[in-house]
Amino acid sequence: MLHVTDVMILNQSEAEFLSGVTGTEKALTELLKKVPCVVIKTGADGAIAQSRDGNVVSIPAHPADVKDTTGAGDAFAAGFIASWMKSRDLSSALTNATRYAAECVAIIGARPQVAP
C-alpha cells in the first residue's frame, strides 16, 4: 500500500525495520524512495522528517513533565496531520505535533479528565 501513501508517520524502530537500515537519517532516505513524505518520531529527541522535494527537518521534543506516554504517538500524529493539511510546511507540522505529544504525556491516561 505504500505506492498510494502520501505521508508515513512512524517511530525510529519501525523506520529502521521497514527500511532495512540502521540509523534515522538512513531510514528516512530509504523510505523516501517509496513514500513522498516521511516523518520519524525519535521519542524524547523529537522528530525528523523530509519530503522528496525538500530538506530534512529536525525538531527537538517539546519540553514536558512526563507522567504517562499513553497516546503520545496518536497525539503526535493528530497534531502533525492537522497542521500538514493546512500548510504543507514540515517545520510547523512537526512543531505542532511535538506540542500535542508533550501535552498528552503530561497527564495520566490518553486524554484529559472529563468534568462531571
PDB file of N, CA and C in Angstrom:
ATOM      1  N   MET A   1       0.806  -1.203   0.000  1.00  0.00           N
ATOM      2  CA  MET A   1       0.000   0.000   0.000  1.00  0.00           C
ATOM      3  C   MET A   1       0.853   1.274   0.000  1.00  0.00           C
ATOM      4  N   LEU A   2       2.147   1.143   0.101  1.00  0.00           N
ATOM      5  CA  LEU A   2       2.992   2.335   0.140  1.00  0.00           C
ATOM      6  C   LEU A   2       2.883   3.176  -1.131  1.00  0.00           C
ATOM      7  N   HIS A   3       2.595   2.559  -2.249  1.00  0.00           N
ATOM      8  CA  HIS A   3       2.510   3.314  -3.510  1.00  0.00           C
ATOM      9  C   HIS A   3       1.326   4.286  -3.539  1.00  0.00           C
ATOM     10  N   VAL A   4       0.368   4.135  -2.616  1.00  0.00           N
ATOM     11  CA  VAL A   4      -0.755   5.068  -2.550  1.00  0.00           C
ATOM     12  C   VAL A   4      -0.727   5.891  -1.253  1.00  0.00           C
ATOM     13  N   THR A   5       0.409   5.889  -0.587  1.00  0.00           N
ATOM     14  CA  THR A   5       0.570   6.617   0.667  1.00  0.00           C
ATOM     15  C   THR A   5       1.255   7.954   0.397  1.00  0.00           C
ATOM     16  N   ASP A   6       0.701   9.029   0.952  1.00  0.00           N
ATOM     17  CA  ASP A   6       1.297  10.357   0.782  1.00  0.00           C
ATOM     18  C   ASP A   6       2.286  10.690   1.884  1.00  0.00           C
ATOM     19  N   VAL A   7       1.935  10.335   3.124  1.00  0.00           N
ATOM     20  CA  VAL A   7       2.774  10.642   4.278  1.00  0.00           C
ATOM     21  C   VAL A   7       2.838   9.411   5.164  1.00  0.00           C
ATOM     22  N   MET A   8       4.040   9.061   5.585  1.00  0.00           N
ATOM     23  CA  MET A   8       4.233   7.945   6.509  1.00  0.00           C
ATOM     24  C   MET A   8       4.768   8.511   7.818  1.00  0.00           C
ATOM     25  N   ILE A   9       4.066   8.209   8.920  1.00  0.00           N
ATOM     26  CA  ILE A   9       4.489   8.639  10.249  1.00  0.00           C
ATOM     27  C   ILE A   9       4.796   7.382  11.048  1.00  0.00           C
ATOM     28  N   LEU A  10       6.030   7.252  11.522  1.00  0.00           N
ATOM     29  CA  LEU A  10       6.422   6.071  12.266  1.00  0.00           C
ATOM     30  C   LEU A  10       7.508   6.400  13.273  1.00  0.00           C
ATOM     31  N   ASN A  11       7.756   5.475  14.192  1.00  0.00           N
ATOM     32  CA  ASN A  11       8.821   5.710  15.161  1.00  0.00           C
ATOM     33  C   ASN A  11      10.144   5.181  14.606  1.00  0.00           C
ATOM     34  N   GLN A  12      11.215   5.433  15.335  1.00  0.00           N
ATOM     35  CA  GLN A  12      12.549   5.109  14.842  1.00  0.00           C
ATOM     36  C   GLN A  12      12.729   3.611  14.602  1.00  0.00           C
ATOM     37  N   SER A  13      12.285   2.770  15.517  1.00  0.00           N
ATOM     38  CA  SER A  13      12.471   1.333  15.322  1.00  0.00           C
ATOM     39  C   SER A  13      11.634   0.820  14.151  1.00  0.00           C
ATOM     40  N   GLU A  14      10.430   1.343  13.971  1.00  0.00           N
ATOM     41  CA  GLU A  14       9.610   0.963  12.814  1.00  0.00           C
ATOM     42  C   GLU A  14      10.285   1.392  11.516  1.00  0.00           C
ATOM     43  N   ALA A  15      10.855   2.594  11.515  1.00  0.00           N
ATOM     44  CA  ALA A  15      11.529   3.112  10.318  1.00  0.00           C
ATOM     45  C   ALA A  15      12.723   2.244   9.945  1.00  0.00           C
ATOM     46  N   GLU A  16      13.498   1.867  10.935  1.00  0.00           N
ATOM     47  CA  GLU A  16      14.661   1.015  10.670  1.00  0.00           C
ATOM     48  C   GLU A  16      14.234  -0.367  10.186  1.00  0.00           C
ATOM     49  N   PHE A  17      13.192  -0.918  10.793  1.00  0.00           N
ATOM     50  CA  PHE A  17      12.693  -2.229  10.382  1.00  0.00           C
ATOM     51  C   PHE A  17      12.185  -2.206   8.944  1.00  0.00           C
ATOM     52  N   LEU A  18      11.326  -1.240   8.628  1.00  0.00           N
ATOM     53  CA  LEU A  18      10.733  -1.181   7.285  1.00  0.00           C
ATOM     54  C   LEU A  18      11.743  -0.817   6.200  1.00  0.00           C
ATOM     55  N   SER A  19      12.740  -0.020   6.557  1.00  0.00           N
ATOM     56  CA  SER A  19      13.738   0.396   5.558  1.00  0.00           C
ATOM     57  C   SER A  19      14.848  -0.630   5.406  1.00  0.00           C
ATOM     58  N   GLY A  20      15.069  -1.430   6.444  1.00  0.00           N
ATOM     59  CA  GLY A  20      16.146  -2.415   6.394  1.00  0.00           C
ATOM     60  C   GLY A  20      17.517  -1.838   6.685  1.00  0.00           C
ATOM     61  N   VAL A  21      17.567  -0.615   7.194  1.00  0.00           N
ATOM     62  CA  VAL A  21      18.851   0.015   7.527  1.00  0.00           C
ATOM     63  C   VAL A  21      18.836   0.512   8.970  1.00  0.00           C
ATOM     64  N   THR A  22      20.020   0.757   9.503  1.00  0.00           N
ATOM     65  CA  THR A  22      20.152   1.284  10.856  1.00  0.00           C
ATOM     66  C   THR A  22      20.482   2.763  10.786  1.00  0.00           C
ATOM     67  N   GLY A  23      19.851   3.543  11.642  1.00  0.00           N
ATOM     68  CA  GLY A  23      20.077   4.990  11.678  1.00  0.00           C
ATOM     69  C   GLY A  23      18.889   5.747  11.116  1.00  0.00           C
ATOM     70  N   THR A  24      18.499   6.774  11.831  1.00  0.00           N
ATOM     71  CA  THR A  24      17.298   7.519  11.474  1.00  0.00           C
ATOM     72  C   THR A  24      17.396   8.161  10.095  1.00  0.00           C
ATOM     73  N   GLU A  25      18.489   8.843   9.818  1.00  0.00           N
ATOM     74  CA  GLU A  25      18.608   9.535   8.524  1.00  0.00           C
ATOM     75  C   GLU A  25      18.725   8.559   7.365  1.00  0.00           C
ATOM     76  N   LYS A  26      19.398   7.426   7.579  1.00  0.00           N
ATOM     77  CA  LYS A  26      19.476   6.412   6.528  1.00  0.00           C
ATOM     78  C   LYS A  26      18.096   5.820   6.261  1.00  0.00           C
ATOM     79  N   ALA A  27      17.347   5.564   7.330  1.00  0.00           N
ATOM     80  CA  ALA A  27      15.987   5.036   7.176  1.00  0.00           C
ATOM     81  C   ALA A  27      15.114   6.043   6.440  1.00  0.00           C
ATOM     82  N   LEU A  28      15.261   7.306   6.786  1.00  0.00           N
ATOM     83  CA  LEU A  28      14.495   8.370   6.128  1.00  0.00           C
ATOM     84  C   LEU A  28      14.764   8.358   4.625  1.00  0.00           C
ATOM     85  N   THR A  29      16.022   8.282   4.246  1.00  0.00           N
ATOM     86  CA  THR A  29      16.416   8.263   2.836  1.00  0.00           C
ATOM     87  C   THR A  29      15.810   7.065   2.110  1.00  0.00           C
ATOM     88  N   GLU A  30      15.881   5.898   2.721  1.00  0.00           N
ATOM     89  CA  GLU A  30      15.330   4.693   2.098  1.00  0.00           C
ATOM     90  C   GLU A  30      13.816   4.763   1.947  1.00  0.00           C
ATOM     91  N   LEU A  31      13.135   5.213   2.989  1.00  0.00           N
ATOM     92  CA  LEU A  31      11.674   5.262   2.947  1.00  0.00           C
ATOM     93  C   LEU A  31      11.161   6.296   1.957  1.00  0.00           C
ATOM     94  N   LEU A  32      11.936   7.356   1.734  1.00  0.00           N
ATOM     95  CA  LEU A  32      11.532   8.377   0.757  1.00  0.00           C
ATOM     96  C   LEU A  32      11.502   7.820  -0.668  1.00  0.00           C
ATOM     97  N   LYS A  33      12.150   6.701  -0.891  1.00  0.00           N
ATOM     98  CA  LYS A  33      12.106   6.056  -2.211  1.00  0.00           C
ATOM     99  C   LYS A  33      10.725   5.446  -2.463  1.00  0.00           C
ATOM    100  N   LYS A  34       9.972   5.211  -1.388  1.00  0.00           N
ATOM    101  CA  LYS A  34       8.675   4.557  -1.501  1.00  0.00           C
ATOM    102  C   LYS A  34       7.496   5.484  -1.220  1.00  0.00           C
ATOM    103  N   VAL A  35       7.725   6.521  -0.378  1.00  0.00           N
ATOM    104  CA  VAL A  35       6.657   7.417   0.067  1.00  0.00           C
ATOM    105  C   VAL A  35       7.132   8.862  -0.099  1.00  0.00           C
ATOM    106  N   PRO A  36       6.279   9.763  -0.606  1.00  0.00           N
ATOM    107  CA  PRO A  36       6.693  11.144  -0.860  1.00  0.00           C
ATOM    108  C   PRO A  36       7.087  11.963   0.370  1.00  0.00           C
ATOM    109  N   CYS A  37       6.558  11.616   1.539  1.00  0.00           N
ATOM    110  CA  CYS A  37       6.885  12.360   2.756  1.00  0.00           C
ATOM    111  C   CYS A  37       6.981  11.376   3.916  1.00  0.00           C
ATOM    112  N   VAL A  38       8.078  11.451   4.661  1.00  0.00           N
ATOM    113  CA  VAL A  38       8.311  10.536   5.774  1.00  0.00           C
ATOM    114  C   VAL A  38       8.578  11.335   7.041  1.00  0.00           C
ATOM    115  N   VAL A  39       7.899  10.940   8.126  1.00  0.00           N
ATOM    116  CA  VAL A  39       8.060  11.548   9.445  1.00  0.00           C
ATOM    117  C   VAL A  39       8.481  10.438  10.396  1.00  0.00           C
ATOM    118  N   ILE A  40       9.610  10.647  11.085  1.00  0.00           N
ATOM    119  CA  ILE A  40      10.094   9.655  12.041  1.00  0.00           C
ATOM    120  C   ILE A  40      10.152  10.290  13.421  1.00  0.00           C
ATOM    121  N   LYS A  41       9.372   9.708  14.336  1.00  0.00           N
ATOM    122  CA  LYS A  41       9.371  10.169  15.732  1.00  0.00           C
ATOM    123  C   LYS A  41      10.594   9.577  16.420  1.00  0.00           C
ATOM    124  N   THR A  42      11.305  10.413  17.169  1.00  0.00           N
ATOM    125  CA  THR A  42      12.508   9.945  17.848  1.00  0.00           C
ATOM    126  C   THR A  42      12.392  10.094  19.365  1.00  0.00           C
ATOM    127  N   GLY A  43      11.178   9.956  19.868  1.00  0.00           N
ATOM    128  CA  GLY A  43      10.927   9.966  21.307  1.00  0.00           C
ATOM    129  C   GLY A  43      11.314  11.277  21.957  1.00  0.00           C
ATOM    130  N   ALA A  44      12.092  11.182  23.023  1.00  0.00           N
ATOM    131  CA  ALA A  44      12.497  12.364  23.781  1.00  0.00           C
ATOM    132  C   ALA A  44      13.380  13.310  22.963  1.00  0.00           C
ATOM    133  N   ASP A  45      13.887  12.828  21.824  1.00  0.00           N
ATOM    134  CA  ASP A  45      14.706  13.680  20.960  1.00  0.00           C
ATOM    135  C   ASP A  45      13.880  14.503  19.984  1.00  0.00           C
ATOM    136  N   GLY A  46      12.591  14.202  19.849  1.00  0.00           N
ATOM    137  CA  GLY A  46      11.729  14.968  18.953  1.00  0.00           C
ATOM    138  C   GLY A  46      11.328  14.190  17.719  1.00  0.00           C
ATOM    139  N   ALA A  47      11.588  14.763  16.540  1.00  0.00           N
ATOM    140  CA  ALA A  47      11.197  14.111  15.288  1.00  0.00           C
ATOM    141  C   ALA A  47      12.019  14.659  14.133  1.00  0.00           C
ATOM    142  N   ILE A  48      12.074  13.868  13.083  1.00  0.00           N
ATOM    143  CA  ILE A  48      12.771  14.256  11.867  1.00  0.00           C
ATOM    144  C   ILE A  48      11.850  13.917  10.699  1.00  0.00           C
ATOM    145  N   ALA A  49      11.882  14.726   9.659  1.00  0.00           N
ATOM    146  CA  ALA A  49      11.007  14.480   8.512  1.00  0.00           C
ATOM    147  C   ALA A  49      11.634  15.048   7.249  1.00  0.00           C
ATOM    148  N   GLN A  50      11.130  14.550   6.134  1.00  0.00           N
ATOM    149  CA  GLN A  50      11.550  15.080   4.841  1.00  0.00           C
ATOM    150  C   GLN A  50      10.515  14.700   3.800  1.00  0.00           C
ATOM    151  N   SER A  51      10.302  15.600   2.866  1.00  0.00           N
ATOM    152  CA  SER A  51       9.525  15.254   1.680  1.00  0.00           C
ATOM    153  C   SER A  51      10.518  15.189   0.533  1.00  0.00           C
ATOM    154  N   ARG A  52      10.163  14.499  -0.509  1.00  0.00           N
ATOM    155  CA  ARG A  52      11.101  14.290  -1.625  1.00  0.00           C
ATOM    156  C   ARG A  52      11.615  15.592  -2.215  1.00  0.00           C
ATOM    157  N   ASP A  53      10.812  16.614  -2.212  1.00  0.00           N
ATOM    158  CA  ASP A  53      11.215  17.875  -2.829  1.00  0.00           C
ATOM    159  C   ASP A  53      11.797  18.876  -1.831  1.00  0.00           C
ATOM    160  N   GLY A  54      12.123  18.413  -0.606  1.00  0.00           N
ATOM    161  CA  GLY A  54      12.605  19.357   0.402  1.00  0.00           C
ATOM    162  C   GLY A  54      13.786  18.843   1.200  1.00  0.00           C
ATOM    163  N   ASN A  55      14.194  19.677   2.125  1.00  0.00           N
ATOM    164  CA  ASN A  55      15.317  19.353   3.000  1.00  0.00           C
ATOM    165  C   ASN A  55      14.844  18.591   4.230  1.00  0.00           C
ATOM    166  N   VAL A  56      15.792  17.967   4.918  1.00  0.00           N
ATOM    167  CA  VAL A  56      15.497  17.287   6.174  1.00  0.00           C
ATOM    168  C   VAL A  56      15.152  18.343   7.221  1.00  0.00           C
ATOM    169  N   VAL A  57      14.086  18.107   7.964  1.00  0.00           N
ATOM    170  CA  VAL A  57      13.676  18.999   9.043  1.00  0.00           C
ATOM    171  C   VAL A  57      13.729  18.192  10.333  1.00  0.00           C
ATOM    172  N   SER A  58      14.431  18.717  11.317  1.00  0.00           N
ATOM    173  CA  SER A  58      14.543  18.054  12.611  1.00  0.00           C
ATOM    174  C   SER A  58      14.072  19.021  13.692  1.00  0.00           C
ATOM    175  N   ILE A  59      13.178  18.541  14.545  1.00  0.00           N
ATOM    176  CA  ILE A  59      12.608  19.371  15.605  1.00  0.00           C
ATOM    177  C   ILE A  59      12.847  18.669  16.945  1.00  0.00           C
ATOM    178  N   PRO A  60      13.367  19.389  17.936  1.00  0.00           N
ATOM    179  CA  PRO A  60      13.522  18.765  19.257  1.00  0.00           C
ATOM    180  C   PRO A  60      12.161  18.542  19.911  1.00  0.00           C
ATOM    181  N   ALA A  61      12.128  17.637  20.855  1.00  0.00           N
ATOM    182  CA  ALA A  61      10.889  17.400  21.593  1.00  0.00           C
ATOM    183  C   ALA A  61      10.493  18.656  22.339  1.00  0.00           C
ATOM    184  N   HIS A  62       9.201  18.885  22.424  1.00  0.00           N
ATOM    185  CA  HIS A  62       8.676  19.999  23.210  1.00  0.00           C
ATOM    186  C   HIS A  62       8.863  19.640  24.682  1.00  0.00           C
ATOM    187  N   PRO A  63       9.336  20.557  25.516  1.00  0.00           N
ATOM    188  CA  PRO A  63       9.530  20.234  26.933  1.00  0.00           C
ATOM    189  C   PRO A  63       8.230  19.750  27.578  1.00  0.00           C
ATOM    190  N   ALA A  64       8.354  18.716  28.416  1.00  0.00           N
ATOM    191  CA  ALA A  64       7.164  18.168  29.071  1.00  0.00           C
ATOM    192  C   ALA A  64       7.538  17.524  30.393  1.00  0.00           C
ATOM    193  N   ASP A  65       6.615  17.577  31.318  1.00  0.00           N
ATOM    194  CA  ASP A  65       6.720  16.851  32.578  1.00  0.00           C
ATOM    195  C   ASP A  65       6.020  15.512  32.337  1.00  0.00           C
ATOM    196  N   VAL A  66       6.792  14.496  31.950  1.00  0.00           N
ATOM    197  CA  VAL A  66       6.220  13.226  31.518  1.00  0.00           C
ATOM    198  C   VAL A  66       5.638  12.451  32.698  1.00  0.00           C
ATOM    199  N   LYS A  67       4.336  12.160  32.574  1.00  0.00           N
ATOM    200  CA  LYS A  67       3.628  11.366  33.584  1.00  0.00           C
ATOM    201  C   LYS A  67       3.197  10.024  33.009  1.00  0.00           C
ATOM    202  N   ASP A  68       2.840   9.985  31.711  1.00  0.00           N
ATOM    203  CA  ASP A  68       2.346   8.769  31.081  1.00  0.00           C
ATOM    204  C   ASP A  68       2.456   8.952  29.570  1.00  0.00           C
ATOM    205  N   THR A  69       3.060   7.994  28.895  1.00  0.00           N
ATOM    206  CA  THR A  69       3.230   8.129  27.444  1.00  0.00           C
ATOM    207  C   THR A  69       2.073   7.537  26.636  1.00  0.00           C
ATOM    208  N   THR A  70       1.032   7.058  27.316  1.00  0.00           N
ATOM    209  CA  THR A  70      -0.134   6.510  26.619  1.00  0.00           C
ATOM    210  C   THR A  70      -0.738   7.561  25.684  1.00  0.00           C
ATOM    211  N   GLY A  71      -0.865   7.220  24.437  1.00  0.00           N
ATOM    212  CA  GLY A  71      -1.494   8.108  23.468  1.00  0.00           C
ATOM    213  C   GLY A  71      -0.574   9.149  22.846  1.00  0.00           C
ATOM    214  N   ALA A  72       0.691   9.169  23.243  1.00  0.00           N
ATOM    215  CA  ALA A  72       1.609  10.197  22.726  1.00  0.00           C
ATOM    216  C   ALA A  72       1.775  10.114  21.210  1.00  0.00           C
ATOM    217  N   GLY A  73       1.890   8.913  20.690  1.00  0.00           N
ATOM    218  CA  GLY A  73       2.040   8.752  19.245  1.00  0.00           C
ATOM    219  C   GLY A  73       0.814   9.209  18.481  1.00  0.00           C
ATOM    220  N   ASP A  74      -0.362   8.895  19.026  1.00  0.00           N
ATOM    221  CA  ASP A  74      -1.604   9.332  18.394  1.00  0.00           C
ATOM    222  C   ASP A  74      -1.738  10.847  18.442  1.00  0.00           C
ATOM    223  N   ALA A  75      -1.370  11.441  19.588  1.00  0.00           N
ATOM    224  CA  ALA A  75      -1.428  12.895  19.718  1.00  0.00           C
ATOM    225  C   ALA A  75      -0.457  13.548  18.744  1.00  0.00           C
ATOM    226  N   PHE A  76       0.735  12.977  18.608  1.00  0.00           N
ATOM    227  CA  PHE A  76       1.730  13.477  17.660  1.00  0.00           C
ATOM    228  C   PHE A  76       1.146  13.458  16.244  1.00  0.00           C
ATOM    229  N   ALA A  77       0.584  12.307  15.860  1.00  0.00           N
ATOM    230  CA  ALA A  77       0.027  12.168  14.511  1.00  0.00           C
ATOM    231  C   ALA A  77      -1.104  13.165  14.273  1.00  0.00           C
ATOM    232  N   ALA A  78      -1.978  13.331  15.259  1.00  0.00           N
ATOM    233  CA  ALA A  78      -3.087  14.279  15.117  1.00  0.00           C
ATOM    234  C   ALA A  78      -2.569  15.701  14.931  1.00  0.00           C
ATOM    235  N   GLY A  79      -1.583  16.083  15.733  1.00  0.00           N
ATOM    236  CA  GLY A  79      -1.015  17.421  15.609  1.00  0.00           C
ATOM    237  C   GLY A  79      -0.334  17.633  14.272  1.00  0.00           C
ATOM    238  N   PHE A  80       0.392  16.607  13.816  1.00  0.00           N
ATOM    239  CA  PHE A  80       1.087  16.709  12.535  1.00  0.00           C
ATOM    240  C   PHE A  80       0.085  16.826  11.388  1.00  0.00           C
ATOM    241  N   ILE A  81      -0.866  15.909  11.345  1.00  0.00           N
ATOM    242  CA  ILE A  81      -1.806  15.865  10.224  1.00  0.00           C
ATOM    243  C   ILE A  81      -2.627  17.149  10.123  1.00  0.00           C
ATOM    244  N   ALA A  82      -3.115  17.643  11.250  1.00  0.00           N
ATOM    245  CA  ALA A  82      -3.917  18.874  11.235  1.00  0.00           C
ATOM    246  C   ALA A  82      -3.116  20.038  10.657  1.00  0.00           C
ATOM    247  N   SER A  83      -1.876  20.175  11.076  1.00  0.00           N
ATOM    248  CA  SER A  83      -1.035  21.269  10.590  1.00  0.00           C
ATOM    249  C   SER A  83      -0.607  21.044   9.136  1.00  0.00           C
ATOM    250  N   TRP A  84      -0.241  19.824   8.807  1.00  0.00           N
ATOM    251  CA  TRP A  84       0.219  19.492   7.450  1.00  0.00           C
ATOM    252  C   TRP A  84      -0.885  19.738   6.420  1.00  0.00           C
ATOM    253  N   MET A  85      -2.108  19.393   6.763  1.00  0.00           N
ATOM    254  CA  MET A  85      -3.222  19.595   5.837  1.00  0.00           C
ATOM    255  C   MET A  85      -3.468  21.073   5.554  1.00  0.00           C
ATOM    256  N   LYS A  86      -3.177  21.932   6.523  1.00  0.00           N
ATOM    257  CA  LYS A  86      -3.379  23.375   6.332  1.00  0.00           C
ATOM    258  C   LYS A  86      -2.234  24.024   5.561  1.00  0.00           C
ATOM    259  N   SER A  87      -0.994  23.650   5.901  1.00  0.00           N
ATOM    260  CA  SER A  87       0.143  24.429   5.408  1.00  0.00           C
ATOM    261  C   SER A  87       1.124  23.693   4.502  1.00  0.00           C
ATOM    262  N   ARG A  88       1.183  22.385   4.598  1.00  0.00           N
ATOM    263  CA  ARG A  88       2.205  21.591   3.897  1.00  0.00           C
ATOM    264  C   ARG A  88       3.618  22.057   4.263  1.00  0.00           C
ATOM    265  N   ASP A  89       3.758  22.593   5.479  1.00  0.00           N
ATOM    266  CA  ASP A  89       5.048  23.060   5.983  1.00  0.00           C
ATOM    267  C   ASP A  89       5.533  22.070   7.042  1.00  0.00           C
ATOM    268  N   LEU A  90       6.619  21.341   6.738  1.00  0.00           N
ATOM    269  CA  LEU A  90       7.098  20.306   7.658  1.00  0.00           C
ATOM    270  C   LEU A  90       7.516  20.862   9.007  1.00  0.00           C
ATOM    271  N   SER A  91       8.181  21.991   9.017  1.00  0.00           N
ATOM    272  CA  SER A  91       8.655  22.559  10.277  1.00  0.00           C
ATOM    273  C   SER A  91       7.498  22.886  11.217  1.00  0.00           C
ATOM    274  N   SER A  92       6.489  23.558  10.713  1.00  0.00           N
ATOM    275  CA  SER A  92       5.369  23.901  11.594  1.00  0.00           C
ATOM    276  C   SER A  92       4.541  22.665  11.934  1.00  0.00           C
ATOM    277  N   ALA A  93       4.429  21.714  11.020  1.00  0.00           N
ATOM    278  CA  ALA A  93       3.689  20.487  11.324  1.00  0.00           C
ATOM    279  C   ALA A  93       4.396  19.684  12.413  1.00  0.00           C
ATOM    280  N   LEU A  94       5.713  19.593  12.352  1.00  0.00           N
ATOM    281  CA  LEU A  94       6.469  18.882  13.396  1.00  0.00           C
ATOM    282  C   LEU A  94       6.397  19.610  14.728  1.00  0.00           C
ATOM    283  N   THR A  95       6.479  20.921  14.686  1.00  0.00           N
ATOM    284  CA  THR A  95       6.376  21.709  15.915  1.00  0.00           C
ATOM    285  C   THR A  95       5.018  21.484  16.575  1.00  0.00           C
ATOM    286  N   ASN A  96       3.966  21.525  15.777  1.00  0.00           N
ATOM    287  CA  ASN A  96       2.624  21.290  16.288  1.00  0.00           C
ATOM    288  C   ASN A  96       2.509  19.865  16.847  1.00  0.00           C
ATOM    289  N   ALA A  97       3.058  18.908  16.139  1.00  0.00           N
ATOM    290  CA  ALA A  97       2.999  17.504  16.565  1.00  0.00           C
ATOM    291  C   ALA A  97       3.704  17.289  17.898  1.00  0.00           C
ATOM    292  N   THR A  98       4.890  17.867  18.059  1.00  0.00           N
ATOM    293  CA  THR A  98       5.618  17.681  19.320  1.00  0.00           C
ATOM    294  C   THR A  98       4.914  18.399  20.467  1.00  0.00           C
ATOM    295  N   ARG A  99       4.247  19.492  20.177  1.00  0.00           N
ATOM    296  CA  ARG A  99       3.484  20.192  21.215  1.00  0.00           C
ATOM    297  C   ARG A  99       2.305  19.339  21.682  1.00  0.00           C
ATOM    298  N   TYR A 100       1.562  18.761  20.732  1.00  0.00           N
ATOM    299  CA  TYR A 100       0.438  17.897  21.089  1.00  0.00           C
ATOM    300  C   TYR A 100       0.917  16.701  21.905  1.00  0.00           C
ATOM    301  N   ALA A 101       2.015  16.082  21.480  1.00  0.00           N
ATOM    302  CA  ALA A 101       2.541  14.918  22.199  1.00  0.00           C
ATOM    303  C   ALA A 101       2.972  15.307  23.612  1.00  0.00           C
ATOM    304  N   ALA A 102       3.581  16.478  23.764  1.00  0.00           N
ATOM    305  CA  ALA A 102       4.011  16.944  25.088  1.00  0.00           C
ATOM    306  C   ALA A 102       2.815  17.171  26.000  1.00  0.00           C
ATOM    307  N   GLU A 103       1.745  17.724  25.457  1.00  0.00           N
ATOM    308  CA  GLU A 103       0.535  17.925  26.255  1.00  0.00           C
ATOM    309  C   GLU A 103      -0.055  16.582  26.683  1.00  0.00           C
ATOM    310  N   CYS A 104       0.031  15.591  25.805  1.00  0.00           N
ATOM    311  CA  CYS A 104      -0.528  14.274  26.096  1.00  0.00           C
ATOM    312  C   CYS A 104       0.252  13.565  27.201  1.00  0.00           C
ATOM    313  N   VAL A 105       1.577  13.603  27.147  1.00  0.00           N
ATOM    314  CA  VAL A 105       2.378  12.859  28.131  1.00  0.00           C
ATOM    315  C   VAL A 105       2.379  13.521  29.503  1.00  0.00           C
ATOM    316  N   ALA A 106       1.896  14.740  29.594  1.00  0.00           N
ATOM    317  CA  ALA A 106       1.882  15.461  30.875  1.00  0.00           C
ATOM    318  C   ALA A 106       0.689  15.083  31.749  1.00  0.00           C
ATOM    319  N   ILE A 107      -0.192  14.206  31.246  1.00  0.00           N
ATOM    320  CA  ILE A 107      -1.335  13.765  32.035  1.00  0.00           C
ATOM    321  C   ILE A 107      -1.346  12.232  32.113  1.00  0.00           C
ATOM    322  N   ILE A 108      -2.044  11.714  33.102  1.00  0.00           N
ATOM    323  CA  ILE A 108      -2.209  10.263  33.217  1.00  0.00           C
ATOM    324  C   ILE A 108      -3.360   9.853  32.314  1.00  0.00           C
ATOM    325  N   GLY A 109      -3.143   8.877  31.450  1.00  0.00           N
ATOM    326  CA  GLY A 109      -4.166   8.423  30.525  1.00  0.00           C
ATOM    327  C   GLY A 109      -4.048   9.120  29.191  1.00  0.00           C
ATOM    328  N   ALA A 110      -4.830   8.657  28.239  1.00  0.00           N
ATOM    329  CA  ALA A 110      -4.715   9.159  26.875  1.00  0.00           C
ATOM    330  C   ALA A 110      -5.434  10.463  26.609  1.00  0.00           C
ATOM    331  N   ARG A 111      -6.241  10.944  27.568  1.00  0.00           N
ATOM    332  CA  ARG A 111      -6.952  12.204  27.363  1.00  0.00           C
ATOM    333  C   ARG A 111      -7.210  12.851  28.715  1.00  0.00           C
ATOM    334  N   PRO A 112      -7.450  14.163  28.724  1.00  0.00           N
ATOM    335  CA  PRO A 112      -7.754  14.844  29.988  1.00  0.00           C
ATOM    336  C   PRO A 112      -9.032  14.293  30.618  1.00  0.00           C
ATOM    337  N   GLN A 113      -9.144  14.439  31.924  1.00  0.00           N
ATOM    338  CA  GLN A 113     -10.356  14.016  32.618  1.00  0.00           C
ATOM    339  C   GLN A 113     -11.525  14.886  32.172  1.00  0.00           C
ATOM    340  N   VAL A 114     -12.681  14.275  32.044  1.00  0.00           N
ATOM    341  CA  VAL A 114     -13.891  14.994  31.652  1.00  0.00           C
ATOM    342  C   VAL A 114     -14.637  15.362  32.936  1.00  0.00           C
ATOM    343  N   ALA A 115     -14.994  16.629  33.057  1.00  0.00           N
ATOM    344  CA  ALA A 115     -15.717  17.092  34.248  1.00  0.00           C
ATOM    345  C   ALA A 115     -17.132  16.513  34.259  1.00  0.00           C
ATOM    346  N   PRO A 116     -17.634  16.150  35.438  1.00  0.00           N
ATOM    347  CA  PRO A 116     -18.990  15.590  35.519  1.00  0.00           C
ATOM    348  C   PRO A 116     -20.066  16.602  35.194  1.00  0.00           C
TER     349      PRO A 116
END
